C-alpha atoms as a PDB file:
ATOM      1  CA  MET A   1      15.727   6.661 -33.976  1.00  0.00           C
ATOM      2  CA  ALA A   2      15.979   3.001 -33.170  1.00  0.00           C
ATOM      3  CA  SER A   3      19.451   2.700 -34.607  1.00  0.00           C
ATOM      4  CA  GLY A   4      20.563   5.723 -32.661  1.00  0.00           C
ATOM      5  CA  THR A   5      19.264   4.194 -29.507  1.00  0.00           C
ATOM      6  CA  SER A   6      20.859   0.868 -30.309  1.00  0.00           C
ATOM      7  CA  ARG A   7      24.142   2.651 -30.961  1.00  0.00           C
ATOM      8  CA  ARG A   8      23.900   4.481 -27.587  1.00  0.00           C
ATOM      9  CA  GLN A   9      23.203   1.121 -25.755  1.00  0.00           C
ATOM     10  CA  THR A  10      26.190  -0.524 -27.448  1.00  0.00           C
ATOM     11  CA  THR A  11      28.451   2.469 -26.615  1.00  0.00           C
ATOM     12  CA  THR A  12      27.193   2.498 -23.012  1.00  0.00           C
ATOM     13  CA  LYS A  13      27.898  -1.277 -22.615  1.00  0.00           C
ATOM     14  CA  PHE A  14      31.478  -0.774 -24.142  1.00  0.00           C
ATOM     15  CA  TRP A  15      32.108   2.213 -21.832  1.00  0.00           C
ATOM     16  CA  GLU A  16      30.901   0.320 -18.798  1.00  0.00           C
ATOM     17  CA  LYS A  17      33.234  -2.703 -19.630  1.00  0.00           C
ATOM     18  CA  THR A  18      36.207  -0.437 -20.190  1.00  0.00           C
ATOM     19  CA  HIS A  19      35.895   2.126 -17.429  1.00  0.00           C
ATOM     20  CA  ILE A  20      34.165   0.500 -14.483  1.00  0.00           C
ATOM     21  CA  THR A  21      36.333  -1.464 -12.079  1.00  0.00           C
ATOM     22  CA  GLU A  22      35.936  -3.708  -9.002  1.00  0.00           C
ATOM     23  CA  VAL A  23      36.706  -0.585  -6.977  1.00  0.00           C
ATOM     24  CA  ASP A  24      33.688   1.186  -8.407  1.00  0.00           C
ATOM     25  CA  PHE A  25      31.379  -1.806  -7.394  1.00  0.00           C
ATOM     26  CA  SER A  26      32.785  -1.813  -3.838  1.00  0.00           C
ATOM     27  CA  THR A  27      32.554   2.001  -3.408  1.00  0.00           C
ATOM     28  CA  ASP A  28      29.570   3.420  -1.515  1.00  0.00           C
ATOM     29  CA  HIS A  29      27.928   5.920  -3.983  1.00  0.00           C
ATOM     30  CA  ALA A  30      25.817   7.599  -1.233  1.00  0.00           C
ATOM     31  CA  ASP A  31      26.706  10.991  -2.612  1.00  0.00           C
ATOM     32  CA  GLU A  32      24.424  10.138  -5.601  1.00  0.00           C
ATOM     33  CA  ILE A  33      21.368  10.454  -3.213  1.00  0.00           C
ATOM     34  CA  GLU A  34      20.200  13.596  -1.390  1.00  0.00           C
ATOM     35  CA  ILE A  35      18.022  12.981   1.600  1.00  0.00           C
ATOM     36  CA  GLU A  36      14.947  15.132   2.038  1.00  0.00           C
ATOM     37  CA  ASN A  37      13.976  14.922   5.655  1.00  0.00           C
ATOM     38  CA  ASN A  38      10.843  16.904   6.399  1.00  0.00           C
ATOM     39  CA  PRO A  39      11.107  17.929  10.092  1.00  0.00           C
ATOM     40  CA  LYS A  40       7.340  17.338  10.467  1.00  0.00           C
ATOM     41  CA  CYS A  41       7.545  13.883   9.070  1.00  0.00           C
ATOM     42  CA  PRO A  42       7.244  11.094  11.656  1.00  0.00           C
ATOM     43  CA  LEU A  43       9.912   9.022   9.850  1.00  0.00           C
ATOM     44  CA  GLU A  44      13.544  10.173   9.411  1.00  0.00           C
ATOM     45  CA  ILE A  45      15.781   8.768   6.635  1.00  0.00           C
ATOM     46  CA  ARG A  46      19.216   7.903   7.833  1.00  0.00           C
ATOM     47  CA  ASN A  47      22.330   5.909   6.909  1.00  0.00           C
ATOM     48  CA  VAL A  48      21.910   5.819   3.143  1.00  0.00           C
ATOM     49  CA  HIS A  49      24.278   3.493   1.242  1.00  0.00           C
ATOM     50  CA  VAL A  50      24.292   3.114  -2.549  1.00  0.00           C
ATOM     51  CA  PHE A  51      26.206   0.413  -4.438  1.00  0.00           C
ATOM     52  CA  MET A  52      26.414  -0.454  -8.198  1.00  0.00           C
ATOM     53  CA  LYS A  53      24.969  -3.684  -9.362  1.00  0.00           C
ATOM     54  CA  LYS A  54      27.459  -5.869 -11.234  1.00  0.00           C
ATOM     55  CA  GLU A  55      25.081  -7.238 -13.712  1.00  0.00           C
ATOM     56  CA  TYR A  56      23.737  -3.865 -14.718  1.00  0.00           C
ATOM     57  CA  PRO A  57      26.267  -0.986 -13.581  1.00  0.00           C
ATOM     58  CA  SER A  58      23.604   1.622 -14.200  1.00  0.00           C
ATOM     59  CA  LEU A  59      21.400   0.216 -11.521  1.00  0.00           C
ATOM     60  CA  ARG A  60      21.882   1.041  -7.826  1.00  0.00           C
ATOM     61  CA  ASP A  61      21.093  -1.035  -4.710  1.00  0.00           C
ATOM     62  CA  VAL A  62      19.943   1.659  -2.258  1.00  0.00           C
ATOM     63  CA  LYS A  63      19.899   0.815   1.364  1.00  0.00           C
ATOM     64  CA  PHE A  64      18.561   3.167   4.112  1.00  0.00           C
ATOM     65  CA  VAL A  65      17.319   3.263   7.673  1.00  0.00           C
ATOM     66  CA  LEU A  66      13.824   4.680   8.630  1.00  0.00           C
ATOM     67  CA  HIS A  67      13.761   6.066  12.230  1.00  0.00           C
ATOM     68  CA  ASN A  68      10.314   6.463  13.849  1.00  0.00           C
ATOM     69  CA  ARG A  69      10.593   9.837  15.670  1.00  0.00           C
ATOM     70  CA  THR A  70       7.090   9.375  17.351  1.00  0.00           C
ATOM     71  CA  LYS A  71       5.565   7.564  20.233  1.00  0.00           C
ATOM     72  CA  LYS A  72       3.159   5.860  17.871  1.00  0.00           C
ATOM     73  CA  LYS A  73       3.690   2.503  16.094  1.00  0.00           C
ATOM     74  CA  VAL A  74       4.072   2.924  12.288  1.00  0.00           C
ATOM     75  CA  GLY A  75       2.163   0.264  10.216  1.00  0.00           C
ATOM     76  CA  GLY A  76       3.323   1.297   6.814  1.00  0.00           C
ATOM     77  CA  PHE A  77       4.964   3.957   4.639  1.00  0.00           C
ATOM     78  CA  THR A  78       5.742   5.254   1.202  1.00  0.00           C
ATOM     79  CA  VAL A  79       9.142   6.640   0.084  1.00  0.00           C
ATOM     80  CA  ARG A  80      10.012   8.114  -3.226  1.00  0.00           C
ATOM     81  CA  LEU A  81      13.368   8.289  -4.994  1.00  0.00           C
ATOM     82  CA  TYR A  82      13.333  10.758  -7.805  1.00  0.00           C
ATOM     83  CA  ASP A  83      15.286  12.984 -10.129  1.00  0.00           C
ATOM     84  CA  THR A  84      14.436  15.250 -13.137  1.00  0.00           C
ATOM     85  CA  LYS A  85      13.867  12.259 -15.411  1.00  0.00           C
ATOM     86  CA  GLY A  86      11.552  10.156 -13.368  1.00  0.00           C
ATOM     87  CA  SER A  87      10.889   8.499  -9.941  1.00  0.00           C
ATOM     88  CA  VAL A  88      10.597   5.202  -8.126  1.00  0.00           C
ATOM     89  CA  THR A  89       7.966   4.884  -5.370  1.00  0.00           C
ATOM     90  CA  TYR A  90       8.326   2.120  -2.662  1.00  0.00           C
ATOM     91  CA  SER A  91       5.439   1.308  -0.263  1.00  0.00           C
ATOM     92  CA  ALA A  92       5.673  -1.285   2.468  1.00  0.00           C
ATOM     93  CA  GLY A  93       3.355  -2.417   5.260  1.00  0.00           C
ATOM     94  CA  HIS A  94       6.289  -2.871   7.638  1.00  0.00           C
ATOM     95  CA  GLU A  95       5.874  -1.947  11.258  1.00  0.00           C
ATOM     96  CA  ILE A  96       8.235   0.320  13.153  1.00  0.00           C
ATOM     97  CA  GLU A  97       7.976   0.591  16.879  1.00  0.00           C
ATOM     98  CA  PRO A  98       8.088   4.027  18.561  1.00  0.00           C
ATOM     99  CA  ASN A  99      11.641   5.433  18.452  1.00  0.00           C
ATOM    100  CA  ALA A 100      12.938   2.487  16.625  1.00  0.00           C
ATOM    101  CA  GLU A 101      14.520   1.880  13.233  1.00  0.00           C
ATOM    102  CA  LEU A 102      14.000  -0.261  10.255  1.00  0.00           C
ATOM    103  CA  GLN A 103      16.538  -1.149   7.526  1.00  0.00           C
ATOM    104  CA  GLU A 104      15.000  -0.901   4.016  1.00  0.00           C
ATOM    105  CA  LYS A 105      16.242  -1.094   0.372  1.00  0.00           C
ATOM    106  CA  THR A 106      15.099  -0.358  -3.142  1.00  0.00           C
ATOM    107  CA  ASP A 107      16.591  -0.220  -6.576  1.00  0.00           C
ATOM    108  CA  SER A 108      17.179   2.770  -8.756  1.00  0.00           C
ATOM    109  CA  SER A 109      18.664   3.693 -12.093  1.00  0.00           C
ATOM    110  CA  ALA A 110      21.608   6.137 -11.979  1.00  0.00           C
ATOM    111  CA  TYR A 111      21.557   6.747 -15.750  1.00  0.00           C
ATOM    112  CA  VAL A 112      19.903   5.526 -18.990  1.00  0.00           C
ATOM    113  CA  TYR A 113      23.116   6.129 -21.103  1.00  0.00           C
ATOM    114  CA  PHE A 114      26.430   6.828 -19.554  1.00  0.00           C
ATOM    115  CA  CYS A 115      26.863   9.924 -21.787  1.00  0.00           C
ATOM    116  CA  ASP A 116      23.919  11.444 -19.924  1.00  0.00           C
ATOM    117  CA  GLY A 117      25.808  11.221 -16.766  1.00  0.00           C
ATOM    118  CA  VAL A 118      24.761  10.048 -13.288  1.00  0.00           C
ATOM    119  CA  GLN A 119      21.568  11.781 -12.122  1.00  0.00           C
ATOM    120  CA  LYS A 120      21.731  13.021  -8.534  1.00  0.00           C
ATOM    121  CA  GLN A 121      18.494  11.715  -6.921  1.00  0.00           C
ATOM    122  CA  ARG A 122      16.414  12.659  -3.855  1.00  0.00           C
ATOM    123  CA  LEU A 123      14.993  10.346  -1.323  1.00  0.00           C
ATOM    124  CA  VAL A 124      11.898  11.450   0.625  1.00  0.00           C
ATOM    125  CA  VAL A 125       9.167   9.951   2.811  1.00  0.00           C
ATOM    126  CA  GLU A 126       5.851  10.721   1.229  1.00  0.00           C
ATOM    127  CA  LYS A 127       3.362   8.969   3.423  1.00  0.00           C
ATOM    128  CA  VAL A 128       3.263   7.248   6.851  1.00  0.00           C
ATOM    129  CA  ARG A 129       0.369   5.179   8.218  1.00  0.00           C
ATOM    130  CA  PHE A 130       0.096   4.319  11.835  1.00  0.00           C
ATOM    131  CA  VAL A 131      -1.350   1.158  13.320  1.00  0.00           C
ATOM    132  CA  ASP A 132      -4.137   3.198  14.922  1.00  0.00           C
ATOM    133  CA  GLY A 133      -5.349   4.192  11.441  1.00  0.00           C
ATOM    134  CA  SER A 134      -4.120   7.806  11.358  1.00  0.00           C
ATOM    135  CA  GLU A 135      -1.836   8.976   8.581  1.00  0.00           C
ATOM    136  CA  TRP A 136       0.811  11.584   7.874  1.00  0.00           C
ATOM    137  CA  PRO A 137       0.312  13.880   6.194  1.00  0.00           C
ATOM    138  CA  GLN A 138      -3.286  14.027   7.302  1.00  0.00           C
ATOM    139  CA  SER A 139      -5.814  13.231   4.561  1.00  0.00           C
ATOM    140  CA  ARG A 140      -7.997  16.215   3.569  1.00  0.00           C
ATOM    141  CA  GLN A 141     -11.649  15.356   3.266  1.00  0.00           C
END
């Protein structure tokens, strides 16, 4: 199994060196991410941009904007980027004024081995905490 994994890693590195060009690095791969905006969520995800990392082409630099749709000040949030093979959760205690926006970023892996293909991922806001102590979705007690 280890030799098969090693062979796949070597093949992936060779494929990346022979098939990925500077154009690929400068191209916005936003189509690799599907935004899941819940209409009831206080934050809306906007302006997603995705770029390949030169050092590790399988990794993506994911930038997005969070728009506060409420009249309450946000004190923190959790977003999740996921696909069928796993997920990345990003939590931050950044404040967002009412009806304002905040630029955020996270990293993600588009594939483990190139032969598996790029996995379409979904980006969703899971939790929002307001400065007044309330949360979305509301905690059940």
